[in-house]
């Protein structure tokens, strides 16, 4: 698919991380499980996970909010540094079963319920035009997590669900990005260039 089909955003995920996505304008390039396996096998990679994102609306009985919906894996807390204040992160079982569970940020918790801990509450999230109910299993510190760096200064409500749940809702079997944490001492720029080259060859 050509050497410009994919791009690596260096340092966007902290000093030892990067995100790989299709280059702007390359709408025909899709990242698959095969690509993820290839990245995970790289000698420079400590961990990698699929990543999906879309803007959406989320609601409770009291409030509605614009939100950035992130589809993540159970490795997310290690790769994107999520600071879970209450509850838990997304588990491998959540991912396997495409569970309707979510993590919300603390600011949303406070605006919706007037308190930080809303574990067990339900929120409705608009997925592919349909409002679906999700149970809150974790509350993360607002502004924590390296995904903030991907979107600049504007910080909307962040909500995280299993990427498999998001795939099911959107009818996709691929994902938007691959988040990568490189091994300590690895040059991030060189690792990114090497991964892009490998993926371009395989595609």
C-alpha atoms as a PDB file:
ATOM      1  CA  UNK A   1       0.000   0.000   0.000  1.00  0.00           C
ATOM      2  CA  UNK A   2       2.968   2.324  -0.438  1.00  0.00           C
ATOM      3  CA  UNK A   3       5.355   3.781   2.083  1.00  0.00           C
ATOM      4  CA  UNK A   4       3.089   6.745   2.833  1.00  0.00           C
ATOM      5  CA  UNK A   5       0.032   4.675   3.667  1.00  0.00           C
ATOM      6  CA  UNK A   6       0.705   4.587   7.397  1.00  0.00           C
ATOM      7  CA  UNK A   7       2.028   7.155   9.803  1.00  0.00           C
ATOM      8  CA  UNK A   8       3.518   6.921  13.276  1.00  0.00           C
ATOM      9  CA  UNK A   9       2.919   9.755  15.690  1.00  0.00           C
ATOM     10  CA  UNK A  10       6.134   9.823  17.670  1.00  0.00           C
ATOM     11  CA  UNK A  11       5.969  10.699  21.349  1.00  0.00           C
ATOM     12  CA  UNK A  12       2.211  11.193  21.131  1.00  0.00           C
ATOM     13  CA  UNK A  13       1.878   8.459  23.711  1.00  0.00           C
ATOM     14  CA  UNK A  14       4.637   9.634  26.014  1.00  0.00           C
ATOM     15  CA  UNK A  15       8.389   9.240  25.819  1.00  0.00           C
ATOM     16  CA  UNK A  16       8.280   5.531  25.073  1.00  0.00           C
ATOM     17  CA  UNK A  17       5.185   5.321  22.924  1.00  0.00           C
ATOM     18  CA  UNK A  18       3.692   6.028  19.534  1.00  0.00           C
ATOM     19  CA  UNK A  19       0.477   5.455  17.661  1.00  0.00           C
ATOM     20  CA  UNK A  20       0.275   3.981  14.182  1.00  0.00           C
ATOM     21  CA  UNK A  21      -2.601   4.946  11.909  1.00  0.00           C
ATOM     22  CA  UNK A  22      -3.440   5.312   8.237  1.00  0.00           C
ATOM     23  CA  UNK A  23      -1.905   8.445   6.763  1.00  0.00           C
ATOM     24  CA  UNK A  24      -4.336  11.331   6.118  1.00  0.00           C
ATOM     25  CA  UNK A  25      -6.228  10.740   2.885  1.00  0.00           C
ATOM     26  CA  UNK A  26      -5.430   7.024   2.798  1.00  0.00           C
ATOM     27  CA  UNK A  27      -8.939   5.826   3.527  1.00  0.00           C
ATOM     28  CA  UNK A  28      -8.383   2.444   1.911  1.00  0.00           C
ATOM     29  CA  UNK A  29      -5.848   1.345   4.509  1.00  0.00           C
ATOM     30  CA  UNK A  30      -7.298  -0.676   7.382  1.00  0.00           C
ATOM     31  CA  UNK A  31      -5.410  -1.994  10.385  1.00  0.00           C
ATOM     32  CA  UNK A  32      -6.277  -5.595  11.215  1.00  0.00           C
ATOM     33  CA  UNK A  33      -5.483  -8.250  13.775  1.00  0.00           C
ATOM     34  CA  UNK A  34      -2.734  -9.474  11.438  1.00  0.00           C
ATOM     35  CA  UNK A  35      -1.110  -6.028  11.551  1.00  0.00           C
ATOM     36  CA  UNK A  36      -1.404  -5.982  15.338  1.00  0.00           C
ATOM     37  CA  UNK A  37       0.295  -9.393  15.589  1.00  0.00           C
ATOM     38  CA  UNK A  38       3.106  -8.176  13.347  1.00  0.00           C
ATOM     39  CA  UNK A  39       3.650  -5.117  15.569  1.00  0.00           C
ATOM     40  CA  UNK A  40       3.570  -7.223  18.747  1.00  0.00           C
ATOM     41  CA  UNK A  41       6.238  -9.558  17.346  1.00  0.00           C
ATOM     42  CA  UNK A  42       8.680  -6.700  16.720  1.00  0.00           C
ATOM     43  CA  UNK A  43      11.813  -6.868  18.868  1.00  0.00           C
ATOM     44  CA  UNK A  44      11.471  -3.178  19.780  1.00  0.00           C
ATOM     45  CA  UNK A  45       7.889  -3.433  21.057  1.00  0.00           C
ATOM     46  CA  UNK A  46       7.054  -4.044  24.707  1.00  0.00           C
ATOM     47  CA  UNK A  47       3.273  -3.885  24.269  1.00  0.00           C
ATOM     48  CA  UNK A  48       0.764  -2.943  21.590  1.00  0.00           C
ATOM     49  CA  UNK A  49      -2.990  -2.668  21.501  1.00  0.00           C
ATOM     50  CA  UNK A  50      -5.758  -1.812  19.046  1.00  0.00           C
ATOM     51  CA  UNK A  51      -7.304   1.620  19.384  1.00  0.00           C
ATOM     52  CA  UNK A  52     -10.549   3.034  18.028  1.00  0.00           C
ATOM     53  CA  UNK A  53     -12.017   6.487  18.442  1.00  0.00           C
ATOM     54  CA  UNK A  54     -15.099   8.448  17.484  1.00  0.00           C
ATOM     55  CA  UNK A  55     -17.011  11.465  18.720  1.00  0.00           C
ATOM     56  CA  UNK A  56     -20.386  10.638  20.171  1.00  0.00           C
ATOM     57  CA  UNK A  57     -23.065  11.639  22.672  1.00  0.00           C
ATOM     58  CA  UNK A  58     -23.533  10.102  26.083  1.00  0.00           C
ATOM     59  CA  UNK A  59     -26.412  10.554  28.489  1.00  0.00           C
ATOM     60  CA  UNK A  60     -27.588   9.836  31.993  1.00  0.00           C
ATOM     61  CA  UNK A  61     -30.968  10.677  33.464  1.00  0.00           C
ATOM     62  CA  UNK A  62     -29.614  14.101  34.425  1.00  0.00           C
ATOM     63  CA  UNK A  63     -27.125  15.211  31.793  1.00  0.00           C
ATOM     64  CA  UNK A  64     -26.076  14.688  28.211  1.00  0.00           C
ATOM     65  CA  UNK A  65     -22.582  15.365  26.971  1.00  0.00           C
ATOM     66  CA  UNK A  66     -20.476  15.278  23.847  1.00  0.00           C
ATOM     67  CA  UNK A  67     -17.799  12.659  24.308  1.00  0.00           C
ATOM     68  CA  UNK A  68     -14.800  11.027  22.711  1.00  0.00           C
ATOM     69  CA  UNK A  69     -15.464   7.299  22.697  1.00  0.00           C
ATOM     70  CA  UNK A  70     -12.311   5.177  22.805  1.00  0.00           C
ATOM     71  CA  UNK A  71     -12.246   1.464  22.036  1.00  0.00           C
ATOM     72  CA  UNK A  72      -9.357  -0.026  24.004  1.00  0.00           C
ATOM     73  CA  UNK A  73      -7.850  -3.345  25.055  1.00  0.00           C
ATOM     74  CA  UNK A  74      -7.208  -4.801  28.498  1.00  0.00           C
ATOM     75  CA  UNK A  75      -3.564  -3.659  28.214  1.00  0.00           C
ATOM     76  CA  UNK A  76      -4.653  -0.017  28.059  1.00  0.00           C
ATOM     77  CA  UNK A  77      -3.624   1.032  31.545  1.00  0.00           C
ATOM     78  CA  UNK A  78      -0.051  -0.107  30.876  1.00  0.00           C
ATOM     79  CA  UNK A  79       0.209   1.489  27.437  1.00  0.00           C
ATOM     80  CA  UNK A  80      -1.722   4.743  27.773  1.00  0.00           C
ATOM     81  CA  UNK A  81      -1.285   5.387  31.504  1.00  0.00           C
ATOM     82  CA  UNK A  82      -4.911   5.553  32.574  1.00  0.00           C
ATOM     83  CA  UNK A  83      -5.224   6.584  36.212  1.00  0.00           C
ATOM     84  CA  UNK A  84      -8.184   4.590  37.566  1.00  0.00           C
ATOM     85  CA  UNK A  85      -9.561   6.334  40.675  1.00  0.00           C
ATOM     86  CA  UNK A  86     -12.484   4.012  41.398  1.00  0.00           C
ATOM     87  CA  UNK A  87     -13.423   0.544  40.212  1.00  0.00           C
ATOM     88  CA  UNK A  88     -11.332  -1.267  37.652  1.00  0.00           C
ATOM     89  CA  UNK A  89      -9.996  -1.083  34.149  1.00  0.00           C
ATOM     90  CA  UNK A  90     -11.241  -3.083  31.159  1.00  0.00           C
ATOM     91  CA  UNK A  91     -10.414  -6.793  31.518  1.00  0.00           C
ATOM     92  CA  UNK A  92      -9.495  -9.405  28.936  1.00  0.00           C
ATOM     93  CA  UNK A  93     -12.867 -11.064  29.642  1.00  0.00           C
ATOM     94  CA  UNK A  94     -14.657  -7.779  28.840  1.00  0.00           C
ATOM     95  CA  UNK A  95     -12.815  -7.718  25.513  1.00  0.00           C
ATOM     96  CA  UNK A  96     -13.491 -11.386  24.711  1.00  0.00           C
ATOM     97  CA  UNK A  97     -17.197 -11.052  25.461  1.00  0.00           C
ATOM     98  CA  UNK A  98     -17.622  -7.565  23.901  1.00  0.00           C
ATOM     99  CA  UNK A  99     -19.195  -6.400  27.160  1.00  0.00           C
ATOM    100  CA  UNK A 100     -21.261  -3.238  27.447  1.00  0.00           C
ATOM    101  CA  UNK A 101     -19.100  -1.796  30.215  1.00  0.00           C
ATOM    102  CA  UNK A 102     -17.236   1.494  30.277  1.00  0.00           C
ATOM    103  CA  UNK A 103     -14.789   3.729  32.069  1.00  0.00           C
ATOM    104  CA  UNK A 104     -15.738   7.396  32.381  1.00  0.00           C
ATOM    105  CA  UNK A 105     -13.710  10.387  33.476  1.00  0.00           C
ATOM    106  CA  UNK A 106     -14.124  12.029  36.847  1.00  0.00           C
ATOM    107  CA  UNK A 107     -15.462  15.323  35.480  1.00  0.00           C
ATOM    108  CA  UNK A 108     -18.346  13.495  33.809  1.00  0.00           C
ATOM    109  CA  UNK A 109     -19.092  11.621  37.054  1.00  0.00           C
ATOM    110  CA  UNK A 110     -19.276  14.878  38.965  1.00  0.00           C
ATOM    111  CA  UNK A 111     -21.462  16.647  36.407  1.00  0.00           C
ATOM    112  CA  UNK A 112     -23.823  13.671  36.067  1.00  0.00           C
ATOM    113  CA  UNK A 113     -24.122  12.610  39.702  1.00  0.00           C
ATOM    114  CA  UNK A 114     -22.408  15.262  41.815  1.00  0.00           C
ATOM    115  CA  UNK A 115     -19.748  12.830  42.986  1.00  0.00           C
ATOM    116  CA  UNK A 116     -16.644  11.089  41.679  1.00  0.00           C
ATOM    117  CA  UNK A 117     -17.530   7.462  42.365  1.00  0.00           C
ATOM    118  CA  UNK A 118     -20.379   6.281  40.124  1.00  0.00           C
ATOM    119  CA  UNK A 119     -19.405   2.597  39.853  1.00  0.00           C
ATOM    120  CA  UNK A 120     -22.421   0.484  38.916  1.00  0.00           C
ATOM    121  CA  UNK A 121     -24.353   3.350  37.328  1.00  0.00           C
ATOM    122  CA  UNK A 122     -25.562   3.078  33.737  1.00  0.00           C
ATOM    123  CA  UNK A 123     -24.848   5.581  30.981  1.00  0.00           C
ATOM    124  CA  UNK A 124     -26.292   5.620  27.479  1.00  0.00           C
ATOM    125  CA  UNK A 125     -23.789   5.993  24.650  1.00  0.00           C
ATOM    126  CA  UNK A 126     -24.710   6.670  21.038  1.00  0.00           C
ATOM    127  CA  UNK A 127     -23.118   3.921  18.918  1.00  0.00           C
ATOM    128  CA  UNK A 128     -23.757   3.918  15.165  1.00  0.00           C
ATOM    129  CA  UNK A 129     -26.916   5.967  15.677  1.00  0.00           C
ATOM    130  CA  UNK A 130     -28.333   3.729  18.406  1.00  0.00           C
ATOM    131  CA  UNK A 131     -28.337   4.575  22.125  1.00  0.00           C
ATOM    132  CA  UNK A 132     -26.869   1.646  24.036  1.00  0.00           C
ATOM    133  CA  UNK A 133     -26.657   1.207  27.806  1.00  0.00           C
ATOM    134  CA  UNK A 134     -23.253   0.687  29.388  1.00  0.00           C
ATOM    135  CA  UNK A 135     -22.444  -0.036  33.017  1.00  0.00           C
ATOM    136  CA  UNK A 136     -19.699   2.082  34.574  1.00  0.00           C
ATOM    137  CA  UNK A 137     -16.989  -0.209  36.010  1.00  0.00           C
ATOM    138  CA  UNK A 138     -14.265   2.402  36.425  1.00  0.00           C
ATOM    139  CA  UNK A 139     -13.718   6.130  36.862  1.00  0.00           C
ATOM    140  CA  UNK A 140     -10.463   7.619  35.577  1.00  0.00           C
ATOM    141  CA  UNK A 141      -8.804  10.869  36.531  1.00  0.00           C
ATOM    142  CA  UNK A 142      -9.748  13.584  34.035  1.00  0.00           C
ATOM    143  CA  UNK A 143      -6.775  14.522  31.896  1.00  0.00           C
ATOM    144  CA  UNK A 144      -4.900  11.339  32.795  1.00  0.00           C
ATOM    145  CA  UNK A 145      -3.984   8.988  30.024  1.00  0.00           C
ATOM    146  CA  UNK A 146      -1.741   9.719  27.116  1.00  0.00           C
ATOM    147  CA  UNK A 147      -4.599   9.739  24.605  1.00  0.00           C
ATOM    148  CA  UNK A 148      -5.193  13.361  25.625  1.00  0.00           C
ATOM    149  CA  UNK A 149      -2.007  14.156  23.704  1.00  0.00           C
ATOM    150  CA  UNK A 150      -3.530  12.933  20.448  1.00  0.00           C
ATOM    151  CA  UNK A 151      -6.254  15.559  20.414  1.00  0.00           C
ATOM    152  CA  UNK A 152      -4.528  18.739  21.546  1.00  0.00           C
ATOM    153  CA  UNK A 153      -5.740  21.227  24.120  1.00  0.00           C
ATOM    154  CA  UNK A 154      -9.480  20.653  23.871  1.00  0.00           C
ATOM    155  CA  UNK A 155     -10.448  18.107  26.509  1.00  0.00           C
ATOM    156  CA  UNK A 156     -13.965  16.731  26.066  1.00  0.00           C
ATOM    157  CA  UNK A 157     -15.498  13.943  28.111  1.00  0.00           C
ATOM    158  CA  UNK A 158     -13.557  10.734  27.568  1.00  0.00           C
ATOM    159  CA  UNK A 159     -15.285   7.365  27.777  1.00  0.00           C
ATOM    160  CA  UNK A 160     -13.563   4.021  27.232  1.00  0.00           C
ATOM    161  CA  UNK A 161     -15.176   0.744  26.150  1.00  0.00           C
ATOM    162  CA  UNK A 162     -13.743  -2.597  24.938  1.00  0.00           C
ATOM    163  CA  UNK A 163     -12.617  -2.191  21.323  1.00  0.00           C
ATOM    164  CA  UNK A 164     -14.509  -5.378  20.433  1.00  0.00           C
ATOM    165  CA  UNK A 165     -17.755  -3.823  21.699  1.00  0.00           C
ATOM    166  CA  UNK A 166     -17.081  -0.802  19.508  1.00  0.00           C
ATOM    167  CA  UNK A 167     -16.312  -3.024  16.505  1.00  0.00           C
ATOM    168  CA  UNK A 168     -19.605  -4.875  16.978  1.00  0.00           C
ATOM    169  CA  UNK A 169     -21.568  -1.630  17.271  1.00  0.00           C
ATOM    170  CA  UNK A 170     -19.970  -0.153  14.157  1.00  0.00           C
ATOM    171  CA  UNK A 171     -19.927  -3.372  12.137  1.00  0.00           C
ATOM    172  CA  UNK A 172     -16.140  -3.264  11.725  1.00  0.00           C
ATOM    173  CA  UNK A 173     -13.539  -5.993  11.989  1.00  0.00           C
ATOM    174  CA  UNK A 174     -10.595  -3.578  11.904  1.00  0.00           C
ATOM    175  CA  UNK A 175      -9.422  -0.669  14.041  1.00  0.00           C
ATOM    176  CA  UNK A 176      -8.275   2.928  13.571  1.00  0.00           C
ATOM    177  CA  UNK A 177      -4.887   2.899  15.245  1.00  0.00           C
ATOM    178  CA  UNK A 178      -2.375   0.720  17.025  1.00  0.00           C
ATOM    179  CA  UNK A 179      -0.963   2.151  20.248  1.00  0.00           C
ATOM    180  CA  UNK A 180       2.585   1.000  20.888  1.00  0.00           C
ATOM    181  CA  UNK A 181       4.852   1.066  23.919  1.00  0.00           C
ATOM    182  CA  UNK A 182       8.459   0.449  22.929  1.00  0.00           C
ATOM    183  CA  UNK A 183      11.013  -1.323  25.099  1.00  0.00           C
ATOM    184  CA  UNK A 184      13.165   0.815  27.422  1.00  0.00           C
ATOM    185  CA  UNK A 185      16.216   2.243  25.673  1.00  0.00           C
ATOM    186  CA  UNK A 186      14.638   1.926  22.223  1.00  0.00           C
ATOM    187  CA  UNK A 187      14.749   4.912  19.874  1.00  0.00           C
ATOM    188  CA  UNK A 188      11.079   5.733  19.317  1.00  0.00           C
ATOM    189  CA  UNK A 189      11.638   7.367  15.907  1.00  0.00           C
ATOM    190  CA  UNK A 190      13.599   4.395  14.600  1.00  0.00           C
ATOM    191  CA  UNK A 191      11.105   1.901  16.021  1.00  0.00           C
ATOM    192  CA  UNK A 192       8.223   3.783  14.408  1.00  0.00           C
ATOM    193  CA  UNK A 193       9.934   3.896  11.025  1.00  0.00           C
ATOM    194  CA  UNK A 194      10.748   0.182  11.219  1.00  0.00           C
ATOM    195  CA  UNK A 195       7.175  -0.764  12.167  1.00  0.00           C
ATOM    196  CA  UNK A 196       5.709   1.362   9.376  1.00  0.00           C
ATOM    197  CA  UNK A 197       8.066  -0.242   6.878  1.00  0.00           C
ATOM    198  CA  UNK A 198       7.091  -3.752   8.029  1.00  0.00           C
ATOM    199  CA  UNK A 199       3.376  -2.972   7.906  1.00  0.00           C
ATOM    200  CA  UNK A 200       3.614  -1.365   4.479  1.00  0.00           C
ATOM    201  CA  UNK A 201       5.323  -4.490   3.134  1.00  0.00           C
ATOM    202  CA  UNK A 202       2.710  -6.788   4.644  1.00  0.00           C
ATOM    203  CA  UNK A 203      -0.161  -4.721   3.264  1.00  0.00           C
END
